[in-house]
Amino acid sequence: MVKRLFSAVMLAAALLFMAAPAAPAEASDYYMGTYSDGTHAYLITQSVSISSRSPYTFRCTVKNAGNYLYYSFYPSNGSPYYRNSEGYHGYVFGGASPVAANIYRFVVNNY
């Protein structure tokens, strides 16, 4: 008898939790990699501003060690390039900035 009562209560609780509305989704920061100085880079998803999807042209903000870096991505001769607020720039997939390549991939795959 106790076993059946316990099972009924657990079933009711499970149904109650499954029927509850989902929590609202919030934008968050996504880890994009580590810079050469050892600081971690986090893309602030609320900052992504896409100007064009064909070819991809967008701006975004990256947080690292309490600082903010501003990135812009743009096409040149059909290839994606980036420039950031520290003055670094180049071909996204050239290997000089794995963080820039990860940002580009993340935005293309998720926006």
PDB file of N, CA and C in Angstrom:
ATOM      1  N   MET A   1       0.819  -1.192   0.000  1.00  0.00           N
ATOM      2  CA  MET A   1       0.000   0.000   0.000  1.00  0.00           C
ATOM      3  C   MET A   1       0.864   1.258   0.000  1.00  0.00           C
ATOM      4  N   VAL A   2       1.877   1.297   0.849  1.00  0.00           N
ATOM      5  CA  VAL A   2       2.768   2.454   0.923  1.00  0.00           C
ATOM      6  C   VAL A   2       3.527   2.604  -0.393  1.00  0.00           C
ATOM      7  N   LYS A   3       3.892   1.455  -0.963  1.00  0.00           N
ATOM      8  CA  LYS A   3       4.624   1.475  -2.223  1.00  0.00           C
ATOM      9  C   LYS A   3       3.769   2.084  -3.334  1.00  0.00           C
ATOM     10  N   ARG A   4       2.497   1.756  -3.395  1.00  0.00           N
ATOM     11  CA  ARG A   4       1.596   2.298  -4.418  1.00  0.00           C
ATOM     12  C   ARG A   4       1.365   3.799  -4.197  1.00  0.00           C
ATOM     13  N   LEU A   5       1.200   4.200  -2.950  1.00  0.00           N
ATOM     14  CA  LEU A   5       0.994   5.606  -2.632  1.00  0.00           C
ATOM     15  C   LEU A   5       2.246   6.416  -3.013  1.00  0.00           C
ATOM     16  N   PHE A   6       3.414   5.894  -2.684  1.00  0.00           N
ATOM     17  CA  PHE A   6       4.661   6.547  -3.034  1.00  0.00           C
ATOM     18  C   PHE A   6       4.804   6.678  -4.549  1.00  0.00           C
ATOM     19  N   SER A   7       4.454   5.617  -5.286  1.00  0.00           N
ATOM     20  CA  SER A   7       4.532   5.630  -6.750  1.00  0.00           C
ATOM     21  C   SER A   7       3.584   6.669  -7.329  1.00  0.00           C
ATOM     22  N   ALA A   8       2.371   6.766  -6.775  1.00  0.00           N
ATOM     23  CA  ALA A   8       1.401   7.733  -7.261  1.00  0.00           C
ATOM     24  C   ALA A   8       1.876   9.168  -7.021  1.00  0.00           C
ATOM     25  N   VAL A   9       2.434   9.429  -5.864  1.00  0.00           N
ATOM     26  CA  VAL A   9       2.938  10.767  -5.548  1.00  0.00           C
ATOM     27  C   VAL A   9       4.106  11.123  -6.463  1.00  0.00           C
ATOM     28  N   MET A  10       5.010  10.194  -6.679  1.00  0.00           N
ATOM     29  CA  MET A  10       6.158  10.444  -7.552  1.00  0.00           C
ATOM     30  C   MET A  10       5.713  10.683  -8.998  1.00  0.00           C
ATOM     31  N   LEU A  11       4.724   9.936  -9.458  1.00  0.00           N
ATOM     32  CA  LEU A  11       4.204  10.123 -10.806  1.00  0.00           C
ATOM     33  C   LEU A  11       3.582  11.504 -10.944  1.00  0.00           C
ATOM     34  N   ALA A  12       2.797  11.915  -9.956  1.00  0.00           N
ATOM     35  CA  ALA A  12       2.171  13.240  -9.983  1.00  0.00           C
ATOM     36  C   ALA A  12       3.239  14.335  -9.974  1.00  0.00           C
ATOM     37  N   ALA A  13       4.277  14.169  -9.179  1.00  0.00           N
ATOM     38  CA  ALA A  13       5.350  15.157  -9.128  1.00  0.00           C
ATOM     39  C   ALA A  13       6.084  15.233 -10.466  1.00  0.00           C
ATOM     40  N   ALA A  14       6.328  14.098 -11.078  1.00  0.00           N
ATOM     41  CA  ALA A  14       7.003  14.075 -12.373  1.00  0.00           C
ATOM     42  C   ALA A  14       6.169  14.779 -13.433  1.00  0.00           C
ATOM     43  N   LEU A  15       4.875  14.527 -13.449  1.00  0.00           N
ATOM     44  CA  LEU A  15       3.999  15.183 -14.409  1.00  0.00           C
ATOM     45  C   LEU A  15       3.940  16.690 -14.172  1.00  0.00           C
ATOM     46  N   LEU A  16       3.951  17.093 -12.917  1.00  0.00           N
ATOM     47  CA  LEU A  16       3.918  18.504 -12.585  1.00  0.00           C
ATOM     48  C   LEU A  16       5.176  19.208 -13.087  1.00  0.00           C
ATOM     49  N   PHE A  17       6.336  18.604 -12.880  1.00  0.00           N
ATOM     50  CA  PHE A  17       7.568  19.226 -13.334  1.00  0.00           C
ATOM     51  C   PHE A  17       7.690  19.241 -14.850  1.00  0.00           C
ATOM     52  N   MET A  18       7.173  18.233 -15.504  1.00  0.00           N
ATOM     53  CA  MET A  18       7.239  18.191 -16.966  1.00  0.00           C
ATOM     54  C   MET A  18       6.295  19.195 -17.589  1.00  0.00           C
ATOM     55  N   ALA A  19       5.195  19.516 -16.931  1.00  0.00           N
ATOM     56  CA  ALA A  19       4.206  20.441 -17.476  1.00  0.00           C
ATOM     57  C   ALA A  19       4.561  21.890 -17.174  1.00  0.00           C
ATOM     58  N   ALA A  20       5.537  22.140 -16.328  1.00  0.00           N
ATOM     59  CA  ALA A  20       5.918  23.511 -15.979  1.00  0.00           C
ATOM     60  C   ALA A  20       6.533  24.188 -17.195  1.00  0.00           C
ATOM     61  N   PRO A  21       6.275  25.466 -17.373  1.00  0.00           N
ATOM     62  CA  PRO A  21       6.852  26.167 -18.531  1.00  0.00           C
ATOM     63  C   PRO A  21       8.369  26.243 -18.422  1.00  0.00           C
ATOM     64  N   ALA A  22       9.000  26.219 -19.557  1.00  0.00           N
ATOM     65  CA  ALA A  22      10.461  26.283 -19.588  1.00  0.00           C
ATOM     66  C   ALA A  22      10.921  27.674 -19.178  1.00  0.00           C
ATOM     67  N   ALA A  23      12.077  27.732 -18.595  1.00  0.00           N
ATOM     68  CA  ALA A  23      12.652  29.021 -18.214  1.00  0.00           C
ATOM     69  C   ALA A  23      13.002  29.797 -19.478  1.00  0.00           C
ATOM     70  N   PRO A  24      12.837  31.105 -19.460  1.00  0.00           N
ATOM     71  CA  PRO A  24      13.156  31.885 -20.657  1.00  0.00           C
ATOM     72  C   PRO A  24      14.645  31.795 -20.984  1.00  0.00           C
ATOM     73  N   ALA A  25      14.929  31.715 -22.258  1.00  0.00           N
ATOM     74  CA  ALA A  25      16.326  31.628 -22.682  1.00  0.00           C
ATOM     75  C   ALA A  25      16.974  32.998 -22.567  1.00  0.00           C
ATOM     76  N   GLU A  26      18.200  33.013 -22.125  1.00  0.00           N
ATOM     77  CA  GLU A  26      18.940  34.256 -22.004  1.00  0.00           C
ATOM     78  C   GLU A  26      20.210  34.156 -22.828  1.00  0.00           C
ATOM     79  N   ALA A  27      20.580  35.275 -23.401  1.00  0.00           N
ATOM     80  CA  ALA A  27      21.842  35.309 -24.118  1.00  0.00           C
ATOM     81  C   ALA A  27      22.970  35.220 -23.096  1.00  0.00           C
ATOM     82  N   SER A  28      24.038  34.625 -23.493  1.00  0.00           N
ATOM     83  CA  SER A  28      25.164  34.505 -22.570  1.00  0.00           C
ATOM     84  C   SER A  28      26.464  34.673 -23.337  1.00  0.00           C
ATOM     85  N   ASP A  29      27.542  34.627 -22.620  1.00  0.00           N
ATOM     86  CA  ASP A  29      28.858  34.732 -23.228  1.00  0.00           C
ATOM     87  C   ASP A  29      29.349  33.325 -23.570  1.00  0.00           C
ATOM     88  N   TYR A  30      29.926  33.185 -24.752  1.00  0.00           N
ATOM     89  CA  TYR A  30      30.434  31.889 -25.188  1.00  0.00           C
ATOM     90  C   TYR A  30      31.954  31.930 -25.293  1.00  0.00           C
ATOM     91  N   TYR A  31      32.572  30.900 -24.768  1.00  0.00           N
ATOM     92  CA  TYR A  31      34.031  30.801 -24.811  1.00  0.00           C
ATOM     93  C   TYR A  31      34.493  30.601 -26.248  1.00  0.00           C
ATOM     94  N   MET A  32      35.463  31.437 -26.681  1.00  0.00           N
ATOM     95  CA  MET A  32      35.952  31.377 -28.053  1.00  0.00           C
ATOM     96  C   MET A  32      37.409  30.949 -28.156  1.00  0.00           C
ATOM     97  N   GLY A  33      38.085  30.817 -27.028  1.00  0.00           N
ATOM     98  CA  GLY A  33      39.480  30.394 -27.077  1.00  0.00           C
ATOM     99  C   GLY A  33      40.342  31.225 -26.159  1.00  0.00           C
ATOM    100  N   THR A  34      41.639  31.031 -26.296  1.00  0.00           N
ATOM    101  CA  THR A  34      42.613  31.714 -25.453  1.00  0.00           C
ATOM    102  C   THR A  34      43.559  32.527 -26.321  1.00  0.00           C
ATOM    103  N   TYR A  35      43.813  33.758 -25.903  1.00  0.00           N
ATOM    104  CA  TYR A  35      44.780  34.600 -26.601  1.00  0.00           C
ATOM    105  C   TYR A  35      46.198  34.163 -26.239  1.00  0.00           C
ATOM    106  N   SER A  36      47.172  34.662 -26.987  1.00  0.00           N
ATOM    107  CA  SER A  36      48.557  34.269 -26.758  1.00  0.00           C
ATOM    108  C   SER A  36      49.083  34.715 -25.391  1.00  0.00           C
ATOM    109  N   ASP A  37      48.432  35.718 -24.774  1.00  0.00           N
ATOM    110  CA  ASP A  37      48.861  36.149 -23.439  1.00  0.00           C
ATOM    111  C   ASP A  37      48.216  35.325 -22.322  1.00  0.00           C
ATOM    112  N   GLY A  38      47.430  34.329 -22.697  1.00  0.00           N
ATOM    113  CA  GLY A  38      46.819  33.428 -21.722  1.00  0.00           C
ATOM    114  C   GLY A  38      45.436  33.824 -21.253  1.00  0.00           C
ATOM    115  N   THR A  39      44.922  34.974 -21.689  1.00  0.00           N
ATOM    116  CA  THR A  39      43.576  35.379 -21.281  1.00  0.00           C
ATOM    117  C   THR A  39      42.541  34.672 -22.148  1.00  0.00           C
ATOM    118  N   HIS A  40      41.385  34.437 -21.571  1.00  0.00           N
ATOM    119  CA  HIS A  40      40.307  33.744 -22.270  1.00  0.00           C
ATOM    120  C   HIS A  40      39.386  34.748 -22.950  1.00  0.00           C
ATOM    121  N   ALA A  41      38.889  34.381 -24.121  1.00  0.00           N
ATOM    122  CA  ALA A  41      38.016  35.253 -24.898  1.00  0.00           C
ATOM    123  C   ALA A  41      36.591  34.704 -24.861  1.00  0.00           C
ATOM    124  N   TYR A  42      35.633  35.587 -24.560  1.00  0.00           N
ATOM    125  CA  TYR A  42      34.219  35.227 -24.509  1.00  0.00           C
ATOM    126  C   TYR A  42      33.431  36.142 -25.423  1.00  0.00           C
ATOM    127  N   LEU A  43      32.721  35.563 -26.376  1.00  0.00           N
ATOM    128  CA  LEU A  43      31.871  36.334 -27.273  1.00  0.00           C
ATOM    129  C   LEU A  43      30.615  36.755 -26.522  1.00  0.00           C
ATOM    130  N   ILE A  44      30.298  38.029 -26.554  1.00  0.00           N
ATOM    131  CA  ILE A  44      29.058  38.530 -25.963  1.00  0.00           C
ATOM    132  C   ILE A  44      27.993  38.422 -27.050  1.00  0.00           C
ATOM    133  N   THR A  45      27.132  37.445 -26.921  1.00  0.00           N
ATOM    134  CA  THR A  45      26.188  37.132 -28.003  1.00  0.00           C
ATOM    135  C   THR A  45      25.217  38.276 -28.289  1.00  0.00           C
ATOM    136  N   GLN A  46      24.914  39.076 -27.286  1.00  0.00           N
ATOM    137  CA  GLN A  46      24.001  40.206 -27.507  1.00  0.00           C
ATOM    138  C   GLN A  46      24.627  41.281 -28.388  1.00  0.00           C
ATOM    139  N   SER A  47      25.931  41.240 -28.552  1.00  0.00           N
ATOM    140  CA  SER A  47      26.623  42.276 -29.311  1.00  0.00           C
ATOM    141  C   SER A  47      26.729  41.967 -30.799  1.00  0.00           C
ATOM    142  N   VAL A  48      26.371  40.765 -31.215  1.00  0.00           N
ATOM    143  CA  VAL A  48      26.529  40.385 -32.618  1.00  0.00           C
ATOM    144  C   VAL A  48      25.536  41.177 -33.469  1.00  0.00           C
ATOM    145  N   SER A  49      26.083  41.897 -34.436  1.00  0.00           N
ATOM    146  CA  SER A  49      25.267  42.718 -35.339  1.00  0.00           C
ATOM    147  C   SER A  49      25.641  42.361 -36.775  1.00  0.00           C
ATOM    148  N   ILE A  50      24.741  41.669 -37.446  1.00  0.00           N
ATOM    149  CA  ILE A  50      25.011  41.188 -38.807  1.00  0.00           C
ATOM    150  C   ILE A  50      24.510  42.208 -39.825  1.00  0.00           C
ATOM    151  N   SER A  51      25.400  42.621 -40.703  1.00  0.00           N
ATOM    152  CA  SER A  51      25.044  43.558 -41.778  1.00  0.00           C
ATOM    153  C   SER A  51      24.613  42.817 -43.030  1.00  0.00           C
ATOM    154  N   SER A  52      25.265  41.687 -43.280  1.00  0.00           N
ATOM    155  CA  SER A  52      24.981  40.908 -44.482  1.00  0.00           C
ATOM    156  C   SER A  52      25.267  39.434 -44.208  1.00  0.00           C
ATOM    157  N   ARG A  53      24.462  38.579 -44.818  1.00  0.00           N
ATOM    158  CA  ARG A  53      24.693  37.139 -44.676  1.00  0.00           C
ATOM    159  C   ARG A  53      25.328  36.532 -45.920  1.00  0.00           C
ATOM    160  N   SER A  54      25.374  37.292 -46.982  1.00  0.00           N
ATOM    161  CA  SER A  54      25.947  36.757 -48.207  1.00  0.00           C
ATOM    162  C   SER A  54      26.734  37.858 -48.916  1.00  0.00           C
ATOM    163  N   PRO A  55      27.981  37.983 -48.709  1.00  0.00           N
ATOM    164  CA  PRO A  55      28.834  37.256 -47.770  1.00  0.00           C
ATOM    165  C   PRO A  55      28.655  37.792 -46.343  1.00  0.00           C
ATOM    166  N   TYR A  56      29.084  37.013 -45.370  1.00  0.00           N
ATOM    167  CA  TYR A  56      28.910  37.400 -43.967  1.00  0.00           C
ATOM    168  C   TYR A  56      29.738  38.643 -43.643  1.00  0.00           C
ATOM    169  N   THR A  57      29.035  39.648 -43.138  1.00  0.00           N
ATOM    170  CA  THR A  57      29.650  40.880 -42.665  1.00  0.00           C
ATOM    171  C   THR A  57      28.995  41.191 -41.334  1.00  0.00           C
ATOM    172  N   PHE A  58      29.786  41.272 -40.260  1.00  0.00           N
ATOM    173  CA  PHE A  58      29.184  41.518 -38.951  1.00  0.00           C
ATOM    174  C   PHE A  58      30.191  42.123 -37.993  1.00  0.00           C
ATOM    175  N   ARG A  59      29.663  42.648 -36.890  1.00  0.00           N
ATOM    176  CA  ARG A  59      30.462  43.211 -35.800  1.00  0.00           C
ATOM    177  C   ARG A  59      30.070  42.508 -34.516  1.00  0.00           C
ATOM    178  N   CYS A  60      30.993  42.457 -33.579  1.00  0.00           N
ATOM    179  CA  CYS A  60      30.691  41.846 -32.288  1.00  0.00           C
ATOM    180  C   CYS A  60      31.684  42.330 -31.247  1.00  0.00           C
ATOM    181  N   THR A  61      31.397  41.988 -30.002  1.00  0.00           N
ATOM    182  CA  THR A  61      32.259  42.360 -28.888  1.00  0.00           C
ATOM    183  C   THR A  61      32.711  41.098 -28.166  1.00  0.00           C
ATOM    184  N   VAL A  62      33.980  41.090 -27.799  1.00  0.00           N
ATOM    185  CA  VAL A  62      34.572  39.967 -27.071  1.00  0.00           C
ATOM    186  C   VAL A  62      35.102  40.494 -25.742  1.00  0.00           C
ATOM    187  N   LYS A  63      34.827  39.746 -24.689  1.00  0.00           N
ATOM    188  CA  LYS A  63      35.298  40.120 -23.357  1.00  0.00           C
ATOM    189  C   LYS A  63      36.474  39.229 -22.993  1.00  0.00           C
ATOM    190  N   ASN A  64      37.542  39.860 -22.482  1.00  0.00           N
ATOM    191  CA  ASN A  64      38.674  39.071 -21.989  1.00  0.00           C
ATOM    192  C   ASN A  64      39.346  39.821 -20.851  1.00  0.00           C
ATOM    193  N   ALA A  65      39.511  39.164 -19.732  1.00  0.00           N
ATOM    194  CA  ALA A  65      40.198  39.708 -18.556  1.00  0.00           C
ATOM    195  C   ALA A  65      39.691  41.099 -18.180  1.00  0.00           C
ATOM    196  N   GLY A  66      38.381  41.296 -18.252  1.00  0.00           N
ATOM    197  CA  GLY A  66      37.799  42.581 -17.873  1.00  0.00           C
ATOM    198  C   GLY A  66      37.860  43.641 -18.958  1.00  0.00           C
ATOM    199  N   ASN A  67      38.456  43.344 -20.080  1.00  0.00           N
ATOM    200  CA  ASN A  67      38.534  44.282 -21.208  1.00  0.00           C
ATOM    201  C   ASN A  67      37.574  43.859 -22.296  1.00  0.00           C
ATOM    202  N   TYR A  68      37.215  44.805 -23.142  1.00  0.00           N
ATOM    203  CA  TYR A  68      36.345  44.515 -24.266  1.00  0.00           C
ATOM    204  C   TYR A  68      37.088  44.809 -25.565  1.00  0.00           C
ATOM    205  N   LEU A  69      37.029  43.854 -26.482  1.00  0.00           N
ATOM    206  CA  LEU A  69      37.600  44.033 -27.812  1.00  0.00           C
ATOM    207  C   LEU A  69      36.461  44.036 -28.817  1.00  0.00           C
ATOM    208  N   TYR A  70      36.546  44.920 -29.777  1.00  0.00           N
ATOM    209  CA  TYR A  70      35.515  45.028 -30.806  1.00  0.00           C
ATOM    210  C   TYR A  70      36.060  44.449 -32.097  1.00  0.00           C
ATOM    211  N   TYR A  71      35.324  43.520 -32.648  1.00  0.00           N
ATOM    212  CA  TYR A  71      35.718  42.853 -33.883  1.00  0.00           C
ATOM    213  C   TYR A  71      34.766  43.224 -35.004  1.00  0.00           C
ATOM    214  N   SER A  72      35.299  43.350 -36.201  1.00  0.00           N
ATOM    215  CA  SER A  72      34.463  43.455 -37.392  1.00  0.00           C
ATOM    216  C   SER A  72      34.977  42.416 -38.388  1.00  0.00           C
ATOM    217  N   PHE A  73      34.043  41.763 -39.038  1.00  0.00           N
ATOM    218  CA  PHE A  73      34.348  40.731 -40.028  1.00  0.00           C
ATOM    219  C   PHE A  73      33.776  41.184 -41.360  1.00  0.00           C
ATOM    220  N   TYR A  74      34.559  41.048 -42.409  1.00  0.00           N
ATOM    221  CA  TYR A  74      34.159  41.558 -43.713  1.00  0.00           C
ATOM    222  C   TYR A  74      34.807  40.706 -44.811  1.00  0.00           C
ATOM    223  N   PRO A  75      34.221  40.706 -46.008  1.00  0.00           N
ATOM    224  CA  PRO A  75      34.807  39.941 -47.107  1.00  0.00           C
ATOM    225  C   PRO A  75      35.835  40.782 -47.872  1.00  0.00           C
ATOM    226  N   SER A  76      36.836  40.110 -48.375  1.00  0.00           N
ATOM    227  CA  SER A  76      37.805  40.739 -49.265  1.00  0.00           C
ATOM    228  C   SER A  76      38.234  39.693 -50.277  1.00  0.00           C
ATOM    229  N   ASN A  77      37.995  39.971 -51.537  1.00  0.00           N
ATOM    230  CA  ASN A  77      38.289  39.020 -52.621  1.00  0.00           C
ATOM    231  C   ASN A  77      37.627  37.668 -52.369  1.00  0.00           C
ATOM    232  N   GLY A  78      36.437  37.680 -51.779  1.00  0.00           N
ATOM    233  CA  GLY A  78      35.681  36.451 -51.559  1.00  0.00           C
ATOM    234  C   GLY A  78      36.063  35.679 -50.314  1.00  0.00           C
ATOM    235  N   SER A  79      37.010  36.172 -49.530  1.00  0.00           N
ATOM    236  CA  SER A  79      37.439  35.480 -48.314  1.00  0.00           C
ATOM    237  C   SER A  79      37.122  36.324 -47.080  1.00  0.00           C
ATOM    238  N   PRO A  80      36.873  35.671 -45.945  1.00  0.00           N
ATOM    239  CA  PRO A  80      36.546  36.428 -44.732  1.00  0.00           C
ATOM    240  C   PRO A  80      37.793  36.992 -44.036  1.00  0.00           C
ATOM    241  N   TYR A  81      37.739  38.267 -43.679  1.00  0.00           N
ATOM    242  CA  TYR A  81      38.802  38.941 -42.954  1.00  0.00           C
ATOM    243  C   TYR A  81      38.235  39.549 -41.689  1.00  0.00           C
ATOM    244  N   TYR A  82      39.124  39.853 -40.749  1.00  0.00           N
ATOM    245  CA  TYR A  82      38.690  40.462 -39.498  1.00  0.00           C
ATOM    246  C   TYR A  82      39.604  41.627 -39.149  1.00  0.00           C
ATOM    247  N   ARG A  83      39.093  42.489 -38.293  1.00  0.00           N
ATOM    248  CA  ARG A  83      39.876  43.575 -37.706  1.00  0.00           C
ATOM    249  C   ARG A  83      39.349  43.759 -36.298  1.00  0.00           C
ATOM    250  N   ASN A  84      40.250  43.958 -35.325  1.00  0.00           N
ATOM    251  CA  ASN A  84      39.776  44.206 -33.964  1.00  0.00           C
ATOM    252  C   ASN A  84      40.259  45.557 -33.456  1.00  0.00           C
ATOM    253  N   SER A  85      39.756  45.948 -32.303  1.00  0.00           N
ATOM    254  CA  SER A  85      40.033  47.273 -31.777  1.00  0.00           C
ATOM    255  C   SER A  85      41.470  47.439 -31.276  1.00  0.00           C
ATOM    256  N   GLU A  86      42.232  46.378 -31.208  1.00  0.00           N
ATOM    257  CA  GLU A  86      43.653  46.487 -30.854  1.00  0.00           C
ATOM    258  C   GLU A  86      44.529  46.690 -32.078  1.00  0.00           C
ATOM    259  N   GLY A  87      43.908  46.687 -33.252  1.00  0.00           N
ATOM    260  CA  GLY A  87      44.648  46.916 -34.482  1.00  0.00           C
ATOM    261  C   GLY A  87      45.048  45.661 -35.230  1.00  0.00           C
ATOM    262  N   TYR A  88      44.767  44.495 -34.668  1.00  0.00           N
ATOM    263  CA  TYR A  88      45.078  43.252 -35.375  1.00  0.00           C
ATOM    264  C   TYR A  88      44.067  43.040 -36.499  1.00  0.00           C
ATOM    265  N   HIS A  89      44.551  42.516 -37.600  1.00  0.00           N
ATOM    266  CA  HIS A  89      43.670  42.229 -38.730  1.00  0.00           C
ATOM    267  C   HIS A  89      44.304  41.149 -39.581  1.00  0.00           C
ATOM    268  N   GLY A  90      43.473  40.519 -40.386  1.00  0.00           N
ATOM    269  CA  GLY A  90      43.995  39.489 -41.277  1.00  0.00           C
ATOM    270  C   GLY A  90      42.915  38.541 -41.753  1.00  0.00           C
ATOM    271  N   TYR A  91      43.352  37.550 -42.485  1.00  0.00           N
ATOM    272  CA  TYR A  91      42.475  36.498 -43.000  1.00  0.00           C
ATOM    273  C   TYR A  91      41.993  35.658 -41.822  1.00  0.00           C
ATOM    274  N   VAL A  92      40.701  35.414 -41.732  1.00  0.00           N
ATOM    275  CA  VAL A  92      40.117  34.710 -40.585  1.00  0.00           C
ATOM    276  C   VAL A  92      40.752  33.344 -40.374  1.00  0.00           C
ATOM    277  N   PHE A  93      40.961  32.607 -41.446  1.00  0.00           N
ATOM    278  CA  PHE A  93      41.468  31.246 -41.313  1.00  0.00           C
ATOM    279  C   PHE A  93      42.967  31.139 -41.607  1.00  0.00           C
ATOM    280  N   GLY A  94      43.682  32.233 -41.448  1.00  0.00           N
ATOM    281  CA  GLY A  94      45.120  32.242 -41.708  1.00  0.00           C
ATOM    282  C   GLY A  94      45.949  31.641 -40.593  1.00  0.00           C
ATOM    283  N   GLY A  95      45.338  31.393 -39.438  1.00  0.00           N
ATOM    284  CA  GLY A  95      46.059  30.773 -38.341  1.00  0.00           C
ATOM    285  C   GLY A  95      46.625  31.749 -37.332  1.00  0.00           C
ATOM    286  N   ALA A  96      46.640  33.043 -37.651  1.00  0.00           N
ATOM    287  CA  ALA A  96      47.199  34.031 -36.723  1.00  0.00           C
ATOM    288  C   ALA A  96      46.285  34.263 -35.524  1.00  0.00           C
ATOM    289  N   SER A  97      44.983  34.082 -35.711  1.00  0.00           N
ATOM    290  CA  SER A  97      44.037  34.307 -34.613  1.00  0.00           C
ATOM    291  C   SER A  97      42.996  33.199 -34.560  1.00  0.00           C
ATOM    292  N   PRO A  98      43.255  32.161 -33.777  1.00  0.00           N
ATOM    293  CA  PRO A  98      42.246  31.112 -33.613  1.00  0.00           C
ATOM    294  C   PRO A  98      40.950  31.655 -33.007  1.00  0.00           C
ATOM    295  N   VAL A  99      41.050  32.712 -32.179  1.00  0.00           N
ATOM    296  CA  VAL A  99      39.847  33.308 -31.593  1.00  0.00           C
ATOM    297  C   VAL A  99      38.970  33.894 -32.689  1.00  0.00           C
ATOM    298  N   ALA A 100      39.555  34.625 -33.631  1.00  0.00           N
ATOM    299  CA  ALA A 100      38.786  35.204 -34.733  1.00  0.00           C
ATOM    300  C   ALA A 100      38.123  34.103 -35.563  1.00  0.00           C
ATOM    301  N   ALA A 101      38.838  33.023 -35.823  1.00  0.00           N
ATOM    302  CA  ALA A 101      38.263  31.912 -36.592  1.00  0.00           C
ATOM    303  C   ALA A 101      37.099  31.288 -35.840  1.00  0.00           C
ATOM    304  N   ASN A 102      37.230  31.129 -34.519  1.00  0.00           N
ATOM    305  CA  ASN A 102      36.139  30.551 -33.727  1.00  0.00           C
ATOM    306  C   ASN A 102      34.931  31.473 -33.678  1.00  0.00           C
ATOM    307  N   ILE A 103      35.159  32.775 -33.586  1.00  0.00           N
ATOM    308  CA  ILE A 103      34.038  33.724 -33.596  1.00  0.00           C
ATOM    309  C   ILE A 103      33.302  33.617 -34.927  1.00  0.00           C
ATOM    310  N   TYR A 104      34.053  33.628 -36.008  1.00  0.00           N
ATOM    311  CA  TYR A 104      33.441  33.569 -37.341  1.00  0.00           C
ATOM    312  C   TYR A 104      32.615  32.290 -37.501  1.00  0.00           C
ATOM    313  N   ARG A 105      33.192  31.164 -37.129  1.00  0.00           N
ATOM    314  CA  ARG A 105      32.461  29.889 -37.236  1.00  0.00           C
ATOM    315  C   ARG A 105      31.204  29.896 -36.375  1.00  0.00           C
ATOM    316  N   PHE A 106      31.314  30.403 -35.152  1.00  0.00           N
ATOM    317  CA  PHE A 106      30.180  30.430 -34.247  1.00  0.00           C
ATOM    318  C   PHE A 106      29.036  31.260 -34.822  1.00  0.00           C
ATOM    319  N   VAL A 107      29.340  32.439 -35.320  1.00  0.00           N
ATOM    320  CA  VAL A 107      28.298  33.319 -35.870  1.00  0.00           C
ATOM    321  C   VAL A 107      27.689  32.699 -37.129  1.00  0.00           C
ATOM    322  N   VAL A 108      28.502  32.188 -38.023  1.00  0.00           N
ATOM    323  CA  VAL A 108      27.968  31.577 -39.250  1.00  0.00           C
ATOM    324  C   VAL A 108      27.073  30.381 -38.928  1.00  0.00           C
ATOM    325  N   ASN A 109      27.443  29.577 -37.947  1.00  0.00           N
ATOM    326  CA  ASN A 109      26.668  28.383 -37.616  1.00  0.00           C
ATOM    327  C   ASN A 109      25.461  28.645 -36.742  1.00  0.00           C
ATOM    328  N   ASN A 110      25.412  29.767 -36.043  1.00  0.00           N
ATOM    329  CA  ASN A 110      24.337  29.987 -35.077  1.00  0.00           C
ATOM    330  C   ASN A 110      23.454  31.191 -35.350  1.00  0.00           C
ATOM    331  N   TYR A 111      23.765  31.982 -36.352  1.00  0.00           N
ATOM    332  CA  TYR A 111      22.928  33.160 -36.635  1.00  0.00           C
ATOM    333  C   TYR A 111      22.372  33.111 -38.021  1.00  0.00           C
TER     334      TYR A 111
END
